[in-house]
Amino acid sequence: MEPPIFFAPSHSIHDDQIQLPANETHHACEVLRLRSGALVIVVDGLGTAYRGELKIESTKSAMVSVHAHIRNFGEPDCRLTLAAGLSVGFKFDEVVDKGTQLGVSRFVPLITEKSKVKLEDARRIALKTARLEKVALAAMKQCRRSLRPEIATPTTFAQYLSQIDRDSFKLIFHPTEGARALADVFPSEIPKRVTLMVGPEAGFSAGEVNRASAKGFTSVSLGPRVLRTETAGAVVCALVMAHFGELR
């Protein structure tokens, strides 16, 4: 049986000793009923895992003595960015939860022409981003990864295209005439960076698809059925990761 996983921020790791946060200590002692000497894994959310031995000082304080460090624990070989269009009533939580489990490294909430939502004030955006980071943290631990995905602040479609990574393998999913099947566009070698864009339920506009194509995106169709954004995001991530051998 694999050791249980806990999270500790990097500033709590010193000289092969890790101070578990209070909530993680509570989970270890009161929920899992672990005892001193138990083998555990601690991830820092930055891509490193630490195997070690739990030392319980009290129900509110616990340390982990590190035996080994593992870089990129549970992480895919490629860095995957998922940019998903927002729409009224749409919860980005599901995109973050499922995407994190499937290996996404960065999420970008997109304001598109058909989103019917507007950029909110900075305070509300910060509050929502903080909540999404908690969702990503929980999903990271659940699926046994070591990197907590980045949650970008909501951005417009045009702004996102202006800062897109030129060297990434880029796909935009939209059921337009001439869109190719996903199986026909994969490169022969696994790219280091992959960027996927899915629109809101109403899809992208023709102009947005054309502008994305001009930036190096290949238009891909997921078939005749219209998927919810949260479903489409999970589907495209799963298909891409399966092709690259990450789901074996």
Protein backbone atom coordinates (compact mmCIF):
# COMPACT_ATOMS: atom_id res chain seq x y z
CA MET A 1 0.00 0.00 0.00
CA GLU A 2 1.34 3.41 -0.98
CA PRO A 3 2.04 5.89 1.84
CA PRO A 4 -0.54 8.65 2.34
CA ILE A 5 0.20 12.06 0.81
CA PHE A 6 0.30 15.40 2.61
CA PHE A 7 1.06 18.94 1.52
CA ALA A 8 3.54 21.34 3.07
CA PRO A 9 4.68 24.67 1.59
CA SER A 10 8.35 24.92 0.70
CA HIS A 11 9.09 27.40 3.50
CA SER A 12 8.24 24.71 6.08
CA ILE A 13 10.96 22.36 4.77
CA HIS A 14 14.37 22.76 6.42
CA ASP A 15 17.37 20.41 6.64
CA ASP A 16 15.37 17.29 5.78
CA GLN A 17 12.75 18.15 8.38
CA ILE A 18 9.22 19.14 7.39
CA GLN A 19 6.73 20.85 9.67
CA LEU A 20 3.25 19.77 8.60
CA PRO A 21 0.58 22.51 8.53
CA ALA A 22 -2.08 22.30 11.24
CA ASN A 23 -4.79 21.03 8.90
CA GLU A 24 -2.51 18.29 7.54
CA THR A 25 -1.52 17.31 11.07
CA HIS A 26 -5.21 17.01 11.98
CA HIS A 27 -5.82 14.84 8.92
CA ALA A 28 -2.89 12.58 9.79
CA CYS A 29 -3.76 12.21 13.48
CA GLU A 30 -7.54 12.45 13.69
CA VAL A 31 -8.72 11.21 10.29
CA LEU A 32 -6.12 8.65 9.19
CA ARG A 33 -5.15 7.77 12.79
CA LEU A 34 -1.47 7.55 11.91
CA ARG A 35 1.16 7.07 14.57
CA SER A 36 4.77 8.15 14.86
CA GLY A 37 6.96 6.05 12.60
CA ALA A 38 4.42 5.84 9.78
CA LEU A 39 5.87 6.28 6.30
CA VAL A 40 4.36 9.24 4.44
CA ILE A 41 4.89 11.36 1.34
CA VAL A 42 4.88 15.15 1.52
CA VAL A 43 4.54 17.25 -1.64
CA ASP A 44 5.44 20.93 -1.84
CA GLY A 45 3.17 21.89 -4.76
CA LEU A 46 6.24 22.96 -6.75
CA GLY A 47 7.07 19.57 -8.23
CA THR A 48 8.99 17.80 -5.45
CA ALA A 49 7.87 14.96 -3.19
CA TYR A 50 9.55 13.90 0.04
CA ARG A 51 9.37 10.38 1.44
CA GLY A 52 9.86 10.22 5.14
CA GLU A 53 8.84 9.16 8.62
CA LEU A 54 6.08 10.85 10.56
CA LYS A 55 6.86 12.17 14.05
CA ILE A 56 3.77 13.26 15.96
CA GLU A 57 4.48 15.79 18.69
CA SER A 58 0.83 16.45 19.55
CA THR A 59 -2.58 16.44 17.85
CA LYS A 60 -1.69 19.90 16.55
CA SER A 61 1.97 19.43 15.67
CA ALA A 62 3.77 16.86 13.52
CA MET A 63 7.10 16.63 11.74
CA VAL A 64 8.36 14.45 8.90
CA SER A 65 11.97 13.28 8.76
CA VAL A 66 12.90 13.12 5.08
CA HIS A 67 14.48 9.94 3.71
CA ALA A 68 14.38 10.75 -0.02
CA HIS A 69 13.53 13.53 -2.48
CA ILE A 70 11.67 12.83 -5.73
CA ARG A 71 11.53 15.51 -8.43
CA ASN A 72 8.48 15.67 -10.72
CA PHE A 73 6.68 13.05 -8.65
CA GLY A 74 3.49 12.05 -10.49
CA GLU A 75 4.03 14.65 -13.21
CA PRO A 76 3.62 14.11 -16.98
CA ASP A 77 6.53 14.60 -19.37
CA CYS A 78 4.82 17.52 -21.13
CA ARG A 79 3.56 20.75 -19.59
CA LEU A 80 -0.14 21.03 -20.40
CA THR A 81 -2.07 24.32 -20.40
CA LEU A 82 -5.87 24.30 -20.62
CA ALA A 83 -7.61 27.55 -21.60
CA ALA A 84 -11.38 27.21 -21.20
CA GLY A 85 -14.11 29.65 -22.16
CA LEU A 86 -16.35 30.96 -19.39
CA SER A 87 -20.13 31.21 -19.64
CA VAL A 88 -22.97 32.34 -17.38
CA GLY A 89 -23.56 29.89 -14.52
CA PHE A 90 -20.48 27.86 -15.43
CA LYS A 91 -18.34 26.66 -12.54
CA PHE A 92 -14.63 26.58 -13.31
CA ASP A 93 -14.12 24.36 -10.26
CA GLU A 94 -14.95 21.23 -12.25
CA VAL A 95 -12.47 22.11 -14.98
CA VAL A 96 -9.72 22.60 -12.38
CA ASP A 97 -10.60 19.45 -10.44
CA LYS A 98 -10.74 17.09 -13.42
CA GLY A 99 -7.90 18.80 -15.29
CA THR A 100 -5.56 18.57 -12.31
CA GLN A 101 -6.24 14.86 -12.01
CA LEU A 102 -5.38 14.48 -15.70
CA GLY A 103 -2.07 16.33 -15.50
CA VAL A 104 -2.82 19.96 -16.41
CA SER A 105 -0.11 22.38 -15.23
CA ARG A 106 -1.88 25.68 -15.93
CA PHE A 107 -5.51 26.79 -16.24
CA VAL A 108 -6.62 29.94 -18.05
CA PRO A 109 -10.26 31.13 -17.70
CA LEU A 110 -11.11 32.76 -21.05
CA ILE A 111 -13.55 35.58 -21.75
CA THR A 112 -14.67 34.98 -25.33
CA GLU A 113 -17.12 36.72 -27.67
CA LYS A 114 -19.84 34.22 -26.73
CA SER A 115 -19.06 33.97 -23.02
CA LYS A 116 -21.73 36.49 -21.93
CA VAL A 117 -19.67 37.27 -18.82
CA LYS A 118 -17.49 40.26 -18.03
CA LEU A 119 -14.17 40.68 -16.27
CA GLU A 120 -14.87 41.22 -12.59
CA ASP A 121 -13.15 43.61 -10.25
CA ALA A 122 -9.74 42.58 -8.93
CA ARG A 123 -10.99 41.66 -5.43
CA ARG A 124 -13.64 39.22 -6.65
CA ILE A 125 -11.18 37.67 -9.09
CA ALA A 126 -8.65 37.20 -6.28
CA LEU A 127 -11.26 35.50 -4.07
CA LYS A 128 -12.29 33.12 -6.83
CA THR A 129 -8.68 32.37 -7.73
CA ALA A 130 -7.95 31.51 -4.09
CA ARG A 131 -10.89 29.08 -4.07
CA LEU A 132 -9.74 27.46 -7.31
CA GLU A 133 -6.24 27.06 -5.88
CA LYS A 134 -7.76 25.09 -2.99
CA VAL A 135 -9.59 22.88 -5.49
CA ALA A 136 -6.32 22.31 -7.37
CA LEU A 137 -4.48 21.49 -4.13
CA ALA A 138 -7.06 18.89 -3.08
CA ALA A 139 -7.04 17.31 -6.55
CA MET A 140 -3.22 17.30 -6.62
CA LYS A 141 -3.09 15.31 -3.39
CA GLN A 142 -5.91 12.99 -4.42
CA CYS A 143 -4.25 11.99 -7.70
CA ARG A 144 -0.76 11.85 -6.15
CA ARG A 145 0.96 14.66 -8.02
CA SER A 146 3.60 17.04 -6.67
CA LEU A 147 2.86 20.17 -8.71
CA ARG A 148 -0.12 22.35 -7.88
CA PRO A 149 -1.34 23.80 -11.19
CA GLU A 150 -1.22 27.53 -11.75
CA ILE A 151 -4.59 29.31 -11.93
CA ALA A 152 -4.31 32.33 -14.20
CA THR A 153 -6.57 35.33 -13.71
CA PRO A 154 -9.46 35.51 -16.21
CA THR A 155 -8.34 37.05 -19.48
CA THR A 156 -9.91 37.95 -22.80
CA PHE A 157 -9.36 35.78 -25.84
CA ALA A 158 -7.36 38.53 -27.57
CA GLN A 159 -5.13 39.12 -24.53
CA TYR A 160 -4.40 35.43 -24.22
CA LEU A 161 -3.41 35.09 -27.88
CA SER A 162 -1.03 38.03 -27.51
CA GLN A 163 0.97 36.17 -24.85
CA ILE A 164 0.75 32.64 -26.21
CA ASP A 165 3.81 30.39 -26.11
CA ARG A 166 5.09 30.17 -29.69
CA ASP A 167 6.89 26.88 -29.15
CA SER A 168 3.99 24.92 -27.66
CA PHE A 169 1.89 22.40 -29.57
CA LYS A 170 -1.44 24.23 -29.86
CA LEU A 171 -4.96 22.92 -30.47
CA ILE A 172 -8.30 24.76 -30.50
CA PHE A 173 -11.36 22.54 -30.22
CA HIS A 174 -14.28 23.79 -32.28
CA PRO A 175 -16.70 21.92 -34.57
CA THR A 176 -16.07 24.01 -37.69
CA GLU A 177 -16.02 22.79 -41.26
CA GLY A 178 -12.50 21.73 -42.05
CA ALA A 179 -11.63 20.94 -38.43
CA ARG A 180 -9.45 17.85 -38.26
CA ALA A 181 -9.80 14.72 -36.16
CA LEU A 182 -7.61 14.71 -33.08
CA ALA A 183 -5.86 11.47 -34.05
CA ASP A 184 -4.66 13.11 -37.29
CA VAL A 185 -2.83 16.05 -35.74
CA PHE A 186 -0.61 14.54 -33.06
CA PRO A 187 3.14 15.04 -33.54
CA SER A 188 5.41 12.00 -33.76
CA GLU A 189 7.32 13.03 -30.63
CA ILE A 190 5.95 14.20 -27.29
CA PRO A 191 6.19 18.01 -27.19
CA LYS A 192 7.53 19.72 -24.08
CA ARG A 193 4.55 22.10 -23.93
CA VAL A 194 0.95 21.63 -25.08
CA THR A 195 -1.78 24.30 -25.13
CA LEU A 196 -5.45 23.33 -25.47
CA MET A 197 -8.35 25.75 -25.94
CA VAL A 198 -12.01 24.85 -25.48
CA GLY A 199 -14.80 27.38 -25.85
CA PRO A 200 -17.92 28.11 -23.82
CA GLU A 201 -21.01 26.04 -24.61
CA ALA A 202 -21.83 28.37 -27.52
CA GLY A 203 -18.36 27.76 -28.92
CA PHE A 204 -15.84 30.18 -30.38
CA SER A 205 -16.75 32.71 -33.05
CA ALA A 206 -15.42 32.22 -36.58
CA GLY A 207 -13.19 35.24 -36.07
CA GLU A 208 -11.67 33.78 -32.90
CA VAL A 209 -10.93 30.48 -34.64
CA ASN A 210 -9.26 32.35 -37.50
CA ARG A 211 -7.16 34.48 -35.14
CA ALA A 212 -6.11 31.37 -33.22
CA SER A 213 -5.14 29.66 -36.48
CA ALA A 214 -2.97 32.65 -37.34
CA LYS A 215 -1.15 32.10 -34.02
CA GLY A 216 -0.38 28.48 -34.83
CA PHE A 217 -3.43 26.70 -33.40
CA THR A 218 -4.82 23.71 -35.27
CA SER A 219 -8.62 23.49 -35.29
CA VAL A 220 -9.85 20.11 -34.05
CA SER A 221 -13.33 18.62 -33.76
CA LEU A 222 -14.58 16.31 -31.00
CA GLY A 223 -17.40 14.92 -33.13
CA PRO A 224 -21.04 15.81 -33.76
CA ARG A 225 -22.18 16.12 -30.14
CA VAL A 226 -22.01 19.42 -28.25
CA LEU A 227 -20.18 18.97 -24.94
CA ARG A 228 -20.37 21.15 -21.88
CA THR A 229 -17.16 23.11 -21.32
CA GLU A 230 -16.29 21.15 -18.17
CA THR A 231 -16.84 17.90 -20.08
CA ALA A 232 -14.89 19.04 -23.14
CA GLY A 233 -11.96 20.13 -20.98
CA ALA A 234 -11.69 16.74 -19.31
CA VAL A 235 -12.16 14.87 -22.60
CA VAL A 236 -9.44 16.72 -24.51
CA CYS A 237 -6.98 16.41 -21.63
CA ALA A 238 -7.66 12.68 -21.32
CA LEU A 239 -7.29 12.10 -25.07
CA VAL A 240 -4.03 14.04 -25.28
CA MET A 241 -2.55 12.37 -22.20
CA ALA A 242 -3.61 8.92 -23.41
CA HIS A 243 -1.92 9.51 -26.77
CA PHE A 244 1.30 10.54 -25.03
CA GLY A 245 1.21 7.40 -22.89
CA GLU A 246 0.42 9.14 -19.61
CA LEU A 247 -2.65 7.00 -18.79
CA ARG A 248 -1.00 3.61 -19.08
